Amino acid sequence: MKLNSLGAASLLALSLVVVSGCDQVEKSAQQVMGKATESAKQVIDETHKAAEQALSEATQGLISPQKKDDQPQNESESTRKEA
């Protein structure tokens, strides 16, 4: 009987160690994914800025990117032109 009890206790302890290890692996994976997401966002932003600059240089400033803040003004101006 002692051998069965010892085996069951060992199996339970081993199971707890494995489960806690899985939690640590999951947390580490989430941290890595978070960092990868932030890096990807930064690369996309930098690429967008470089593309805007290249477009501006290629068109010699004839076409300028519109900012989101300017859109309501442009919409009201186009409305006035149509009227």
PDB file of N, CA and C in Angstrom:
ATOM      1  N   MET A   1       0.808  -1.194   0.000  1.00  0.00           N
ATOM      2  CA  MET A   1       0.000   0.000   0.000  1.00  0.00           C
ATOM      3  C   MET A   1       0.854   1.262   0.000  1.00  0.00           C
ATOM      4  N   LYS A   2       1.958   1.217   0.731  1.00  0.00           N
ATOM      5  CA  LYS A   2       2.810   2.406   0.775  1.00  0.00           C
ATOM      6  C   LYS A   2       3.337   2.751  -0.613  1.00  0.00           C
ATOM      7  N   LEU A   3       3.652   1.753  -1.401  1.00  0.00           N
ATOM      8  CA  LEU A   3       4.183   1.989  -2.735  1.00  0.00           C
ATOM      9  C   LEU A   3       3.139   2.654  -3.625  1.00  0.00           C
ATOM     10  N   ASN A   4       1.878   2.230  -3.521  1.00  0.00           N
ATOM     11  CA  ASN A   4       0.816   2.851  -4.310  1.00  0.00           C
ATOM     12  C   ASN A   4       0.580   4.294  -3.881  1.00  0.00           C
ATOM     13  N   SER A   5       0.589   4.555  -2.594  1.00  0.00           N
ATOM     14  CA  SER A   5       0.388   5.918  -2.089  1.00  0.00           C
ATOM     15  C   SER A   5       1.534   6.823  -2.514  1.00  0.00           C
ATOM     16  N   LEU A   6       2.739   6.291  -2.429  1.00  0.00           N
ATOM     17  CA  LEU A   6       3.917   7.065  -2.831  1.00  0.00           C
ATOM     18  C   LEU A   6       3.874   7.351  -4.329  1.00  0.00           C
ATOM     19  N   GLY A   7       3.473   6.374  -5.116  1.00  0.00           N
ATOM     20  CA  GLY A   7       3.369   6.555  -6.565  1.00  0.00           C
ATOM     21  C   GLY A   7       2.306   7.575  -6.921  1.00  0.00           C
ATOM     22  N   ALA A   8       1.165   7.515  -6.238  1.00  0.00           N
ATOM     23  CA  ALA A   8       0.087   8.468  -6.503  1.00  0.00           C
ATOM     24  C   ALA A   8       0.505   9.880  -6.122  1.00  0.00           C
ATOM     25  N   ALA A   9       1.192  10.021  -4.989  1.00  0.00           N
ATOM     26  CA  ALA A   9       1.654  11.339  -4.559  1.00  0.00           C
ATOM     27  C   ALA A   9       2.691  11.892  -5.536  1.00  0.00           C
ATOM     28  N   SER A  10       3.567  11.022  -6.003  1.00  0.00           N
ATOM     29  CA  SER A  10       4.589  11.454  -6.961  1.00  0.00           C
ATOM     30  C   SER A  10       3.940  11.881  -8.279  1.00  0.00           C
ATOM     31  N   LEU A  11       2.950  11.118  -8.724  1.00  0.00           N
ATOM     32  CA  LEU A  11       2.249  11.452  -9.964  1.00  0.00           C
ATOM     33  C   LEU A  11       1.523  12.782  -9.834  1.00  0.00           C
ATOM     34  N   LEU A  12       0.896  13.003  -8.688  1.00  0.00           N
ATOM     35  CA  LEU A  12       0.200  14.266  -8.455  1.00  0.00           C
ATOM     36  C   LEU A  12       1.186  15.434  -8.432  1.00  0.00           C
ATOM     37  N   ALA A  13       2.308  15.267  -7.762  1.00  0.00           N
ATOM     38  CA  ALA A  13       3.317  16.330  -7.698  1.00  0.00           C
ATOM     39  C   ALA A  13       3.883  16.627  -9.081  1.00  0.00           C
ATOM     40  N   LEU A  14       4.141  15.566  -9.847  1.00  0.00           N
ATOM     41  CA  LEU A  14       4.664  15.751 -11.195  1.00  0.00           C
ATOM     42  C   LEU A  14       3.649  16.477 -12.071  1.00  0.00           C
ATOM     43  N   SER A  15       2.379  16.129 -11.930  1.00  0.00           N
ATOM     44  CA  SER A  15       1.325  16.793 -12.690  1.00  0.00           C
ATOM     45  C   SER A  15       1.268  18.280 -12.356  1.00  0.00           C
ATOM     46  N   LEU A  16       1.388  18.625 -11.094  1.00  0.00           N
ATOM     47  CA  LEU A  16       1.367  20.033 -10.689  1.00  0.00           C
ATOM     48  C   LEU A  16       2.554  20.795 -11.262  1.00  0.00           C
ATOM     49  N   VAL A  17       3.709  20.161 -11.275  1.00  0.00           N
ATOM     50  CA  VAL A  17       4.896  20.806 -11.843  1.00  0.00           C
ATOM     51  C   VAL A  17       4.703  21.049 -13.337  1.00  0.00           C
ATOM     52  N   VAL A  18       4.150  20.068 -14.037  1.00  0.00           N
ATOM     53  CA  VAL A  18       3.928  20.214 -15.476  1.00  0.00           C
ATOM     54  C   VAL A  18       2.921  21.324 -15.749  1.00  0.00           C
ATOM     55  N   VAL A  19       1.824  21.353 -14.973  1.00  0.00           N
ATOM     56  CA  VAL A  19       0.800  22.385 -15.177  1.00  0.00           C
ATOM     57  C   VAL A  19       1.369  23.770 -14.910  1.00  0.00           C
ATOM     58  N   SER A  20       2.133  23.931 -13.836  1.00  0.00           N
ATOM     59  CA  SER A  20       2.708  25.250 -13.545  1.00  0.00           C
ATOM     60  C   SER A  20       3.724  25.639 -14.611  1.00  0.00           C
ATOM     61  N   GLY A  21       4.435  24.660 -15.157  1.00  0.00           N
ATOM     62  CA  GLY A  21       5.368  24.933 -16.250  1.00  0.00           C
ATOM     63  C   GLY A  21       4.635  25.400 -17.495  1.00  0.00           C
ATOM     64  N   CYS A  22       3.481  24.815 -17.759  1.00  0.00           N
ATOM     65  CA  CYS A  22       2.674  25.219 -18.917  1.00  0.00           C
ATOM     66  C   CYS A  22       2.189  26.656 -18.765  1.00  0.00           C
ATOM     67  N   ASP A  23       1.815  27.030 -17.549  1.00  0.00           N
ATOM     68  CA  ASP A  23       1.385  28.409 -17.305  1.00  0.00           C
ATOM     69  C   ASP A  23       2.522  29.387 -17.588  1.00  0.00           C
ATOM     70  N   GLN A  24       3.722  29.024 -17.158  1.00  0.00           N
ATOM     71  CA  GLN A  24       4.876  29.895 -17.400  1.00  0.00           C
ATOM     72  C   GLN A  24       5.159  30.007 -18.896  1.00  0.00           C
ATOM     73  N   VAL A  25       5.037  28.896 -19.594  1.00  0.00           N
ATOM     74  CA  VAL A  25       5.273  28.909 -21.042  1.00  0.00           C
ATOM     75  C   VAL A  25       4.229  29.791 -21.718  1.00  0.00           C
ATOM     76  N   GLU A  26       2.979  29.688 -21.280  1.00  0.00           N
ATOM     77  CA  GLU A  26       1.916  30.510 -21.875  1.00  0.00           C
ATOM     78  C   GLU A  26       2.169  31.993 -21.632  1.00  0.00           C
ATOM     79  N   LYS A  27       2.572  32.347 -20.408  1.00  0.00           N
ATOM     80  CA  LYS A  27       2.847  33.748 -20.102  1.00  0.00           C
ATOM     81  C   LYS A  27       4.019  34.265 -20.929  1.00  0.00           C
ATOM     82  N   SER A  28       5.042  33.441 -21.071  1.00  0.00           N
ATOM     83  CA  SER A  28       6.200  33.850 -21.870  1.00  0.00           C
ATOM     84  C   SER A  28       5.804  34.039 -23.330  1.00  0.00           C
ATOM     85  N   ALA A  29       4.985  33.133 -23.831  1.00  0.00           N
ATOM     86  CA  ALA A  29       4.541  33.242 -25.223  1.00  0.00           C
ATOM     87  C   ALA A  29       3.719  34.509 -25.436  1.00  0.00           C
ATOM     88  N   GLN A  30       2.876  34.847 -24.467  1.00  0.00           N
ATOM     89  CA  GLN A  30       2.086  36.071 -24.577  1.00  0.00           C
ATOM     90  C   GLN A  30       2.978  37.307 -24.588  1.00  0.00           C
ATOM     91  N   GLN A  31       4.017  37.293 -23.757  1.00  0.00           N
ATOM     92  CA  GLN A  31       4.938  38.432 -23.732  1.00  0.00           C
ATOM     93  C   GLN A  31       5.671  38.565 -25.058  1.00  0.00           C
ATOM     94  N   VAL A  32       6.110  37.446 -25.614  1.00  0.00           N
ATOM     95  CA  VAL A  32       6.815  37.471 -26.895  1.00  0.00           C
ATOM     96  C   VAL A  32       5.888  37.976 -28.000  1.00  0.00           C
ATOM     97  N   MET A  33       4.644  37.499 -27.991  1.00  0.00           N
ATOM     98  CA  MET A  33       3.682  37.939 -29.005  1.00  0.00           C
ATOM     99  C   MET A  33       3.391  39.439 -28.866  1.00  0.00           C
ATOM    100  N   GLY A  34       3.305  39.931 -27.639  1.00  0.00           N
ATOM    101  CA  GLY A  34       3.080  41.363 -27.421  1.00  0.00           C
ATOM    102  C   GLY A  34       4.226  42.197 -27.964  1.00  0.00           C
ATOM    103  N   LYS A  35       5.444  41.746 -27.710  1.00  0.00           N
ATOM    104  CA  LYS A  35       6.606  42.474 -28.214  1.00  0.00           C
ATOM    105  C   LYS A  35       6.673  42.410 -29.735  1.00  0.00           C
ATOM    106  N   ALA A  36       6.343  41.262 -30.306  1.00  0.00           N
ATOM    107  CA  ALA A  36       6.354  41.123 -31.765  1.00  0.00           C
ATOM    108  C   ALA A  36       5.295  42.028 -32.399  1.00  0.00           C
ATOM    109  N   THR A  37       4.151  42.136 -31.754  1.00  0.00           N
ATOM    110  CA  THR A  37       3.082  43.000 -32.268  1.00  0.00           C
ATOM    111  C   THR A  37       3.521  44.458 -32.259  1.00  0.00           C
ATOM    112  N   GLU A  38       4.130  44.887 -31.176  1.00  0.00           N
ATOM    113  CA  GLU A  38       4.601  46.276 -31.088  1.00  0.00           C
ATOM    114  C   GLU A  38       5.678  46.553 -32.141  1.00  0.00           C
ATOM    115  N   SER A  39       6.585  45.607 -32.334  1.00  0.00           N
ATOM    116  CA  SER A  39       7.628  45.781 -33.345  1.00  0.00           C
ATOM    117  C   SER A  39       7.030  45.876 -34.736  1.00  0.00           C
ATOM    118  N   ALA A  40       6.036  45.039 -35.016  1.00  0.00           N
ATOM    119  CA  ALA A  40       5.387  45.069 -36.323  1.00  0.00           C
ATOM    120  C   ALA A  40       4.685  46.403 -36.554  1.00  0.00           C
ATOM    121  N   LYS A  41       4.012  46.913 -35.523  1.00  0.00           N
ATOM    122  CA  LYS A  41       3.341  48.212 -35.652  1.00  0.00           C
ATOM    123  C   LYS A  41       4.355  49.317 -35.937  1.00  0.00           C
ATOM    124  N   GLN A  42       5.480  49.255 -35.247  1.00  0.00           N
ATOM    125  CA  GLN A  42       6.506  50.279 -35.441  1.00  0.00           C
ATOM    126  C   GLN A  42       7.071  50.217 -36.859  1.00  0.00           C
ATOM    127  N   VAL A  43       7.305  49.016 -37.357  1.00  0.00           N
ATOM    128  CA  VAL A  43       7.828  48.861 -38.716  1.00  0.00           C
ATOM    129  C   VAL A  43       6.824  49.386 -39.733  1.00  0.00           C
ATOM    130  N   ILE A  44       5.551  49.095 -39.528  1.00  0.00           N
ATOM    131  CA  ILE A  44       4.512  49.575 -40.447  1.00  0.00           C
ATOM    132  C   ILE A  44       4.462  51.097 -40.441  1.00  0.00           C
ATOM    133  N   ASP A  45       4.513  51.712 -39.251  1.00  0.00           N
ATOM    134  CA  ASP A  45       4.494  53.179 -39.166  1.00  0.00           C
ATOM    135  C   ASP A  45       5.697  53.802 -39.858  1.00  0.00           C
ATOM    136  N   GLU A  46       6.876  53.215 -39.630  1.00  0.00           N
ATOM    137  CA  GLU A  46       8.085  53.753 -40.251  1.00  0.00           C
ATOM    138  C   GLU A  46       8.037  53.594 -41.770  1.00  0.00           C
ATOM    139  N   THR A  47       7.512  52.471 -42.241  1.00  0.00           N
ATOM    140  CA  THR A  47       7.391  52.246 -43.678  1.00  0.00           C
ATOM    141  C   THR A  47       6.417  53.241 -44.295  1.00  0.00           C
ATOM    142  N   HIS A  48       5.327  53.502 -43.591  1.00  0.00           N
ATOM    143  CA  HIS A  48       4.335  54.467 -44.073  1.00  0.00           C
ATOM    144  C   HIS A  48       4.944  55.865 -44.186  1.00  0.00           C
ATOM    145  N   LYS A  49       5.693  56.253 -43.157  1.00  0.00           N
ATOM    146  CA  LYS A  49       6.336  57.573 -43.187  1.00  0.00           C
ATOM    147  C   LYS A  49       7.344  57.661 -44.333  1.00  0.00           C
ATOM    148  N   ALA A  50       8.120  56.603 -44.537  1.00  0.00           N
ATOM    149  CA  ALA A  50       9.106  56.600 -45.616  1.00  0.00           C
ATOM    150  C   ALA A  50       8.424  56.665 -46.980  1.00  0.00           C
ATOM    151  N   ALA A  51       7.297  55.962 -47.107  1.00  0.00           N
ATOM    152  CA  ALA A  51       6.569  56.001 -48.377  1.00  0.00           C
ATOM    153  C   ALA A  51       6.008  57.392 -48.646  1.00  0.00           C
ATOM    154  N   GLU A  52       5.480  58.039 -47.622  1.00  0.00           N
ATOM    155  CA  GLU A  52       4.971  59.411 -47.793  1.00  0.00           C
ATOM    156  C   GLU A  52       6.088  60.358 -48.187  1.00  0.00           C
ATOM    157  N   GLN A  53       7.243  60.198 -47.554  1.00  0.00           N
ATOM    158  CA  GLN A  53       8.372  61.069 -47.875  1.00  0.00           C
ATOM    159  C   GLN A  53       8.847  60.820 -49.303  1.00  0.00           C
ATOM    160  N   ALA A  54       8.919  59.559 -49.705  1.00  0.00           N
ATOM    161  CA  ALA A  54       9.347  59.239 -51.070  1.00  0.00           C
ATOM    162  C   ALA A  54       8.357  59.783 -52.086  1.00  0.00           C
ATOM    163  N   LEU A  55       7.076  59.686 -51.791  1.00  0.00           N
ATOM    164  CA  LEU A  55       6.059  60.226 -52.694  1.00  0.00           C
ATOM    165  C   LEU A  55       6.176  61.736 -52.799  1.00  0.00           C
ATOM    166  N   SER A  56       6.404  62.379 -51.664  1.00  0.00           N
ATOM    167  CA  SER A  56       6.542  63.829 -51.655  1.00  0.00           C
ATOM    168  C   SER A  56       7.764  64.266 -52.465  1.00  0.00           C
ATOM    169  N   GLU A  57       8.869  63.544 -52.301  1.00  0.00           N
ATOM    170  CA  GLU A  57      10.075  63.879 -53.049  1.00  0.00           C
ATOM    171  C   GLU A  57       9.896  63.599 -54.534  1.00  0.00           C
ATOM    172  N   ALA A  58       9.201  62.518 -54.865  1.00  0.00           N
ATOM    173  CA  ALA A  58       9.014  62.156 -56.275  1.00  0.00           C
ATOM    174  C   ALA A  58       8.108  63.146 -56.987  1.00  0.00           C
ATOM    175  N   THR A  59       7.147  63.678 -56.269  1.00  0.00           N
ATOM    176  CA  THR A  59       6.226  64.633 -56.887  1.00  0.00           C
ATOM    177  C   THR A  59       6.672  66.067 -56.636  1.00  0.00           C
ATOM    178  N   GLN A  60       7.794  66.226 -56.019  1.00  0.00           N
ATOM    179  CA  GLN A  60       8.375  67.526 -55.688  1.00  0.00           C
ATOM    180  C   GLN A  60       7.400  68.389 -54.913  1.00  0.00           C
ATOM    181  N   GLY A  61       6.675  67.763 -54.008  1.00  0.00           N
ATOM    182  CA  GLY A  61       5.779  68.496 -53.132  1.00  0.00           C
ATOM    183  C   GLY A  61       4.453  68.876 -53.753  1.00  0.00           C
ATOM    184  N   LEU A  62       4.179  68.447 -54.988  1.00  0.00           N
ATOM    185  CA  LEU A  62       2.904  68.783 -55.619  1.00  0.00           C
ATOM    186  C   LEU A  62       1.738  68.082 -54.926  1.00  0.00           C
ATOM    187  N   ILE A  63       1.998  66.885 -54.458  1.00  0.00           N
ATOM    188  CA  ILE A  63       0.974  66.134 -53.733  1.00  0.00           C
ATOM    189  C   ILE A  63       1.446  66.028 -52.285  1.00  0.00           C
ATOM    190  N   SER A  64       0.623  66.505 -51.378  1.00  0.00           N
ATOM    191  CA  SER A  64       0.995  66.391 -49.967  1.00  0.00           C
ATOM    192  C   SER A  64      -0.029  65.515 -49.270  1.00  0.00           C
ATOM    193  N   PRO A  65       0.424  64.662 -48.354  1.00  0.00           N
ATOM    194  CA  PRO A  65      -0.524  63.794 -47.653  1.00  0.00           C
ATOM    195  C   PRO A  65      -1.454  64.612 -46.776  1.00  0.00           C
ATOM    196  N   GLN A  66      -2.719  64.249 -46.771  1.00  0.00           N
ATOM    197  CA  GLN A  66      -3.696  64.954 -45.945  1.00  0.00           C
ATOM    198  C   GLN A  66      -3.723  64.334 -44.563  1.00  0.00           C
ATOM    199  N   LYS A  67      -3.802  65.181 -43.582  1.00  0.00           N
ATOM    200  CA  LYS A  67      -3.914  64.700 -42.210  1.00  0.00           C
ATOM    201  C   LYS A  67      -5.386  64.521 -41.880  1.00  0.00           C
ATOM    202  N   LYS A  68      -5.653  63.663 -40.908  1.00  0.00           N
ATOM    203  CA  LYS A  68      -7.035  63.406 -40.511  1.00  0.00           C
ATOM    204  C   LYS A  68      -7.698  64.670 -39.974  1.00  0.00           C
ATOM    205  N   ASP A  69      -6.911  65.537 -39.351  1.00  0.00           N
ATOM    206  CA  ASP A  69      -7.462  66.780 -38.807  1.00  0.00           C
ATOM    207  C   ASP A  69      -7.919  67.725 -39.911  1.00  0.00           C
ATOM    208  N   ASP A  70      -7.293  67.619 -41.103  1.00  0.00           N
ATOM    209  CA  ASP A  70      -7.626  68.511 -42.202  1.00  0.00           C
ATOM    210  C   ASP A  70      -8.856  68.062 -42.976  1.00  0.00           C
ATOM    211  N   GLN A  71      -9.267  66.832 -42.845  1.00  0.00           N
ATOM    212  CA  GLN A  71     -10.358  66.310 -43.648  1.00  0.00           C
ATOM    213  C   GLN A  71     -11.671  67.071 -43.472  1.00  0.00           C
ATOM    214  N   PRO A  72     -12.101  67.422 -42.260  1.00  0.00           N
ATOM    215  CA  PRO A  72     -13.362  68.173 -42.159  1.00  0.00           C
ATOM    216  C   PRO A  72     -13.306  69.502 -42.903  1.00  0.00           C
ATOM    217  N   GLN A  73     -12.164  70.186 -42.882  1.00  0.00           N
ATOM    218  CA  GLN A  73     -12.026  71.441 -43.612  1.00  0.00           C
ATOM    219  C   GLN A  73     -12.142  71.198 -45.110  1.00  0.00           C
ATOM    220  N   ASN A  74     -11.466  70.184 -45.600  1.00  0.00           N
ATOM    221  CA  ASN A  74     -11.497  69.888 -47.022  1.00  0.00           C
ATOM    222  C   ASN A  74     -12.899  69.506 -47.466  1.00  0.00           C
ATOM    223  N   GLU A  75     -13.630  68.770 -46.640  1.00  0.00           N
ATOM    224  CA  GLU A  75     -14.987  68.384 -46.990  1.00  0.00           C
ATOM    225  C   GLU A  75     -15.894  69.610 -47.057  1.00  0.00           C
ATOM    226  N   SER A  76     -15.730  70.541 -46.123  1.00  0.00           N
ATOM    227  CA  SER A  76     -16.561  71.733 -46.140  1.00  0.00           C
ATOM    228  C   SER A  76     -16.198  72.622 -47.320  1.00  0.00           C
ATOM    229  N   GLU A  77     -14.923  72.662 -47.700  1.00  0.00           N
ATOM    230  CA  GLU A  77     -14.505  73.445 -48.845  1.00  0.00           C
ATOM    231  C   GLU A  77     -15.075  72.860 -50.134  1.00  0.00           C
ATOM    232  N   SER A  78     -15.056  71.525 -50.253  1.00  0.00           N
ATOM    233  CA  SER A  78     -15.597  70.912 -51.469  1.00  0.00           C
ATOM    234  C   SER A  78     -17.102  71.094 -51.527  1.00  0.00           C
ATOM    235  N   THR A  79     -17.760  71.145 -50.369  1.00  0.00           N
ATOM    236  CA  THR A  79     -19.206  71.387 -50.330  1.00  0.00           C
ATOM    237  C   THR A  79     -19.504  72.797 -50.810  1.00  0.00           C
ATOM    238  N   ARG A  80     -18.668  73.754 -50.428  1.00  0.00           N
ATOM    239  CA  ARG A  80     -18.870  75.139 -50.853  1.00  0.00           C
ATOM    240  C   ARG A  80     -18.659  75.264 -52.369  1.00  0.00           C
ATOM    241  N   LYS A  81     -17.694  74.552 -52.911  1.00  0.00           N
ATOM    242  CA  LYS A  81     -17.419  74.639 -54.332  1.00  0.00           C
ATOM    243  C   LYS A  81     -18.570  74.084 -55.152  1.00  0.00           C
ATOM    244  N   GLU A  82     -19.212  73.011 -54.633  1.00  0.00           N
ATOM    245  CA  GLU A  82     -20.316  72.399 -55.358  1.00  0.00           C
ATOM    246  C   GLU A  82     -21.548  73.295 -55.333  1.00  0.00           C
ATOM    247  N   ALA A  83     -21.738  74.096 -54.289  1.00  0.00           N
ATOM    248  CA  ALA A  83     -22.941  74.913 -54.136  1.00  0.00           C
ATOM    249  C   ALA A  83     -22.922  76.144 -54.961  1.00  0.00           C
TER     250      ALA A  83
END
